[in-house]
């Protein structure tokens, strides 16, 4: 794995002079944030050695290098999911590449189903903690101490200082933010009413099919993490309706301007 990481890192360093300190992962329907990046290089995933290729609608599948709010960034416009058939190691691979490129802070976004009865479609939920219900972990297998410790601590998976900063920024912009616990499941099916109820009972405020493997990998490598969910549908009794992936994309796209305004200001403060 380390050999592949070094090979891919060397390839990317040969394609761009950008030295990113911030990594950004754009979830379903949220790829438009790249319009705020002063793009210097765009590299499709299929051209990057050892990189998976995104197969999901709403994920463009390219790595973008540039500047946002005066900060050098690398952004994944499209991520990889366990339900696509990728292994956890393949999902984690781009995060390792970001670390070796110089990234110290990872910002993630996703579209998720709201479980908290106080949530509405289009809300932004800052993730304070997560529950891994995917039945697997990206750190399974032999551990390379050069990458991180065998048993990484996850008591502060999401950086509290970044969370507090975002809430101050949202207040200035008069953007309503929610906060809560994100449950990660494999998908690709949306949840049944009974599953929604179960997830709420164990403490989850939102449910999705991504983010947690990436955060685990980033924390293993010593990166700070901040993540936000766009509530694209509701798994609340009395509000559950039949949904499609297109519905999720549309709901996320409508909420994207709020997320963009916040993240632009956040980068100025990191």
Protein backbone atom coordinates (compact mmCIF):
# COMPACT_ATOMS: atom_id res chain seq x y z
CA UNK A 1 0.00 0.00 0.00
CA UNK A 2 2.76 2.45 0.91
CA UNK A 3 4.47 1.74 -2.42
CA UNK A 4 1.25 2.63 -4.27
CA UNK A 5 0.79 5.78 -2.17
CA UNK A 6 4.30 6.97 -2.98
CA UNK A 7 3.84 6.15 -6.68
CA UNK A 8 0.58 8.11 -6.90
CA UNK A 9 1.93 11.01 -4.86
CA UNK A 10 4.96 11.27 -7.13
CA UNK A 11 2.71 11.28 -10.21
CA UNK A 12 0.53 14.10 -8.83
CA UNK A 13 3.50 16.17 -7.71
CA UNK A 14 4.75 15.93 -11.28
CA UNK A 15 1.43 17.27 -12.60
CA UNK A 16 0.96 20.28 -10.32
CA UNK A 17 3.04 22.79 -8.39
CA UNK A 18 0.22 23.30 -5.85
CA UNK A 19 1.19 22.29 -2.30
CA UNK A 20 -2.20 21.83 -0.59
CA UNK A 21 -2.69 22.10 3.14
CA UNK A 22 -6.46 21.61 3.02
CA UNK A 23 -8.25 18.60 1.52
CA UNK A 24 -11.91 18.82 0.53
CA UNK A 25 -14.26 15.95 -0.31
CA UNK A 26 -17.46 16.95 -2.10
CA UNK A 27 -20.43 14.64 -1.68
CA UNK A 28 -23.54 13.92 -3.74
CA UNK A 29 -24.91 17.06 -5.40
CA UNK A 30 -22.27 19.26 -3.77
CA UNK A 31 -19.64 19.38 -6.49
CA UNK A 32 -20.46 22.98 -7.37
CA UNK A 33 -18.21 24.24 -4.59
CA UNK A 34 -15.35 23.90 -7.05
CA UNK A 35 -16.63 27.08 -8.71
CA UNK A 36 -15.17 28.95 -5.74
CA UNK A 37 -11.72 27.45 -6.29
CA UNK A 38 -9.15 29.27 -8.40
CA UNK A 39 -8.31 26.10 -10.30
CA UNK A 40 -4.75 25.49 -11.39
CA UNK A 41 -4.96 21.82 -12.35
CA UNK A 42 -7.79 19.33 -12.87
CA UNK A 43 -6.92 15.66 -13.12
CA UNK A 44 -9.62 13.03 -13.89
CA UNK A 45 -9.44 10.01 -11.62
CA UNK A 46 -8.97 7.61 -14.52
CA UNK A 47 -5.60 9.21 -15.31
CA UNK A 48 -4.24 8.88 -11.75
CA UNK A 49 -2.24 5.69 -11.04
CA UNK A 50 -3.89 3.35 -8.50
CA UNK A 51 -6.94 5.63 -8.11
CA UNK A 52 -10.48 4.21 -8.13
CA UNK A 53 -13.07 5.77 -10.46
CA UNK A 54 -16.37 7.16 -9.18
CA UNK A 55 -19.46 5.49 -10.66
CA UNK A 56 -22.22 7.47 -8.92
CA UNK A 57 -24.43 10.10 -10.55
CA UNK A 58 -23.65 13.50 -9.06
CA UNK A 59 -19.96 12.68 -8.64
CA UNK A 60 -17.80 14.12 -11.42
CA UNK A 61 -14.71 12.08 -10.63
CA UNK A 62 -11.78 14.45 -10.72
CA UNK A 63 -9.08 15.81 -8.46
CA UNK A 64 -8.82 19.60 -8.41
CA UNK A 65 -5.79 21.61 -7.28
CA UNK A 66 -5.99 25.33 -6.67
CA UNK A 67 -6.58 28.17 -4.24
CA UNK A 68 -9.69 28.95 -2.20
CA UNK A 69 -9.89 31.90 0.17
CA UNK A 70 -6.15 32.33 -0.17
CA UNK A 71 -5.43 28.73 0.87
CA UNK A 72 -3.95 25.99 -1.29
CA UNK A 73 -6.42 23.12 -1.58
CA UNK A 74 -6.95 19.78 -3.23
CA UNK A 75 -10.58 18.81 -3.76
CA UNK A 76 -12.15 15.49 -4.66
CA UNK A 77 -15.11 16.24 -6.89
CA UNK A 78 -16.72 12.90 -6.28
CA UNK A 79 -15.87 10.25 -3.69
CA UNK A 80 -15.88 6.46 -3.52
CA UNK A 81 -18.39 4.32 -1.64
CA UNK A 82 -18.39 0.84 -0.19
CA UNK A 83 -21.64 0.04 -2.04
CA UNK A 84 -19.88 0.58 -5.37
CA UNK A 85 -17.89 -2.56 -4.67
CA UNK A 86 -14.68 -0.87 -3.59
CA UNK A 87 -12.76 -2.18 -0.63
CA UNK A 88 -12.27 0.00 2.42
CA UNK A 89 -8.60 0.32 1.50
CA UNK A 90 -9.55 1.69 -1.92
CA UNK A 91 -11.95 4.18 -0.33
CA UNK A 92 -9.23 5.29 2.08
CA UNK A 93 -6.51 5.54 -0.58
CA UNK A 94 -7.19 9.16 -1.69
CA UNK A 95 -7.03 10.33 1.93
CA UNK A 96 -3.58 8.82 2.28
CA UNK A 97 -2.54 10.59 -0.91
CA UNK A 98 -3.77 13.92 0.47
CA UNK A 99 -1.69 13.40 3.60
CA UNK A 100 1.44 12.68 1.59
CA UNK A 101 0.77 15.77 -0.55
CA UNK A 102 0.88 17.89 2.61
CA UNK A 103 -2.76 18.12 3.70
CA UNK A 104 -3.21 18.61 7.46
CA UNK A 105 -6.95 19.37 7.60
CA UNK A 106 -9.73 17.44 5.84
CA UNK A 107 -13.13 18.99 5.13
CA UNK A 108 -15.90 16.60 4.11
CA UNK A 109 -19.47 17.04 2.91
CA UNK A 110 -22.27 14.59 2.25
CA UNK A 111 -25.99 14.33 1.65
CA UNK A 112 -27.79 12.39 4.35
CA UNK A 113 -31.20 11.43 5.68
CA UNK A 114 -32.40 13.39 8.70
CA UNK A 115 -33.51 11.38 11.73
CA UNK A 116 -33.88 14.20 14.25
CA UNK A 117 -37.50 15.43 14.29
CA UNK A 118 -36.21 19.00 14.57
CA UNK A 119 -34.51 18.80 11.17
CA UNK A 120 -35.90 19.99 7.84
CA UNK A 121 -34.92 19.16 4.27
CA UNK A 122 -32.14 21.54 3.24
CA UNK A 123 -30.70 21.93 6.73
CA UNK A 124 -26.96 21.75 7.25
CA UNK A 125 -25.85 19.47 10.09
CA UNK A 126 -22.35 19.82 11.47
CA UNK A 127 -21.15 16.33 12.40
CA UNK A 128 -19.99 16.19 16.01
CA UNK A 129 -19.46 12.44 16.17
CA UNK A 130 -20.31 9.29 14.24
CA UNK A 131 -21.50 5.71 14.59
CA UNK A 132 -19.89 3.22 12.24
CA UNK A 133 -22.52 0.67 11.21
CA UNK A 134 -20.79 -0.39 8.01
CA UNK A 135 -19.51 -3.59 9.57
CA UNK A 136 -15.95 -2.93 8.42
CA UNK A 137 -13.09 -0.52 9.07
CA UNK A 138 -10.49 0.91 6.66
CA UNK A 139 -7.70 0.12 9.14
CA UNK A 140 -8.28 -3.64 9.15
CA UNK A 141 -5.18 -5.62 8.30
CA UNK A 142 -1.50 -5.06 8.97
CA UNK A 143 -0.65 -1.60 10.31
CA UNK A 144 2.27 0.43 8.97
CA UNK A 145 3.53 2.60 11.87
CA UNK A 146 4.74 5.13 9.31
CA UNK A 147 1.08 5.77 8.44
CA UNK A 148 -0.25 5.90 11.99
CA UNK A 149 -0.70 3.96 15.25
CA UNK A 150 -2.16 0.46 15.43
CA UNK A 151 -4.98 1.65 17.72
CA UNK A 152 -5.81 5.27 16.88
CA UNK A 153 -7.88 7.23 19.37
CA UNK A 154 -11.27 8.41 18.05
CA UNK A 155 -12.50 10.40 21.06
CA UNK A 156 -12.14 13.60 19.04
CA UNK A 157 -12.78 12.45 15.49
CA UNK A 158 -14.16 15.87 14.52
CA UNK A 159 -12.13 18.92 15.50
CA UNK A 160 -13.94 20.97 18.13
CA UNK A 161 -12.15 24.23 17.30
CA UNK A 162 -13.25 23.97 13.66
CA UNK A 163 -16.82 23.19 14.73
CA UNK A 164 -16.96 26.25 16.99
CA UNK A 165 -15.49 28.42 14.25
CA UNK A 166 -18.15 27.26 11.78
CA UNK A 167 -20.98 28.11 14.15
CA UNK A 168 -19.59 31.63 14.58
CA UNK A 169 -19.36 32.00 10.80
CA UNK A 170 -22.93 30.71 10.33
CA UNK A 171 -24.19 33.23 12.87
CA UNK A 172 -22.60 36.09 10.93
CA UNK A 173 -24.24 34.86 7.70
CA UNK A 174 -27.53 34.20 9.52
CA UNK A 175 -27.47 30.59 8.35
CA UNK A 176 -29.21 28.07 10.56
CA UNK A 177 -26.97 25.15 11.45
CA UNK A 178 -27.88 21.89 13.11
CA UNK A 179 -25.42 19.67 14.95
CA UNK A 180 -25.57 15.96 15.55
CA UNK A 181 -24.38 12.39 15.22
CA UNK A 182 -23.92 10.78 11.82
CA UNK A 183 -24.56 7.06 11.35
CA UNK A 184 -22.75 5.41 8.45
CA UNK A 185 -24.35 2.40 6.72
CA UNK A 186 -23.33 0.53 3.60
CA UNK A 187 -26.31 1.28 1.36
CA UNK A 188 -27.12 1.32 -1.48
CA UNK A 189 -30.72 0.94 -0.33
CA UNK A 190 -32.35 3.80 1.50
CA UNK A 191 -33.54 2.82 4.97
CA UNK A 192 -36.81 1.18 5.93
CA UNK A 193 -39.02 2.93 8.50
CA UNK A 194 -37.93 0.35 11.08
CA UNK A 195 -34.27 1.05 10.32
CA UNK A 196 -34.83 4.79 10.65
CA UNK A 197 -36.43 4.18 14.05
CA UNK A 198 -33.54 1.96 15.16
CA UNK A 199 -30.93 4.50 14.10
CA UNK A 200 -32.70 7.24 16.00
CA UNK A 201 -32.97 5.06 19.12
CA UNK A 202 -29.21 4.44 19.19
CA UNK A 203 -28.49 8.16 19.04
CA UNK A 204 -28.11 9.11 15.38
CA UNK A 205 -29.39 12.43 14.02
CA UNK A 206 -28.61 11.64 10.37
CA UNK A 207 -27.72 8.61 8.27
CA UNK A 208 -25.61 8.24 5.16
CA UNK A 209 -23.35 5.94 3.16
CA UNK A 210 -19.97 7.68 3.30
CA UNK A 211 -17.63 9.96 5.30
CA UNK A 212 -16.81 7.68 8.24
CA UNK A 213 -14.15 5.56 6.45
CA UNK A 214 -12.46 8.74 5.26
CA UNK A 215 -12.52 10.33 8.71
CA UNK A 216 -11.10 7.19 10.34
CA UNK A 217 -8.27 7.15 7.80
CA UNK A 218 -7.56 10.86 8.23
CA UNK A 219 -7.47 10.64 12.02
CA UNK A 220 -5.20 7.60 11.83
CA UNK A 221 -2.75 9.78 9.91
CA UNK A 222 -3.06 12.74 12.28
CA UNK A 223 -5.24 15.01 10.15
CA UNK A 224 -7.89 17.31 11.62
CA UNK A 225 -11.42 16.71 10.33
CA UNK A 226 -14.54 18.80 9.85
CA UNK A 227 -17.67 17.38 8.20
CA UNK A 228 -21.10 18.70 7.31
CA UNK A 229 -24.22 16.88 6.11
CA UNK A 230 -26.90 18.38 3.91
CA UNK A 231 -30.22 16.93 5.04
CA UNK A 232 -31.69 15.78 1.74
CA UNK A 233 -34.63 13.72 3.02
CA UNK A 234 -36.31 12.84 6.30
CA UNK A 235 -36.51 9.50 8.10
CA UNK A 236 -38.86 10.87 10.73
CA UNK A 237 -42.17 9.09 11.48
CA UNK A 238 -44.97 10.82 9.59
CA UNK A 239 -42.52 12.49 7.19
CA UNK A 240 -41.10 9.45 5.40
CA UNK A 241 -41.82 9.47 1.67
CA UNK A 242 -40.49 7.48 -1.24
CA UNK A 243 -37.25 9.04 -2.50
CA UNK A 244 -34.80 8.58 -5.35
CA UNK A 245 -31.13 9.39 -5.80
CA UNK A 246 -32.18 12.31 -8.02
CA UNK A 247 -34.24 13.73 -5.15
CA UNK A 248 -31.12 13.63 -2.96
CA UNK A 249 -29.03 15.39 -5.62
CA UNK A 250 -31.61 18.15 -6.04
CA UNK A 251 -32.03 18.77 -2.32
CA UNK A 252 -28.26 18.90 -1.80
CA UNK A 253 -27.76 21.26 -4.74
CA UNK A 254 -30.31 23.74 -3.33
CA UNK A 255 -28.51 23.81 0.02
CA UNK A 256 -25.05 24.09 -1.50
CA UNK A 257 -24.82 27.93 -1.53
CA UNK A 258 -25.15 28.00 2.27
CA UNK A 259 -22.43 25.42 2.69
CA UNK A 260 -20.17 27.23 0.23
CA UNK A 261 -20.52 30.55 2.07
CA UNK A 262 -19.51 28.92 5.34
CA UNK A 263 -16.59 26.92 3.99
CA UNK A 264 -15.15 29.93 2.14
CA UNK A 265 -14.93 31.82 5.43
CA UNK A 266 -13.70 28.77 7.34
CA UNK A 267 -10.67 28.43 5.06
CA UNK A 268 -9.70 32.01 5.86
CA UNK A 269 -9.43 31.08 9.52
CA UNK A 270 -7.53 27.80 9.25
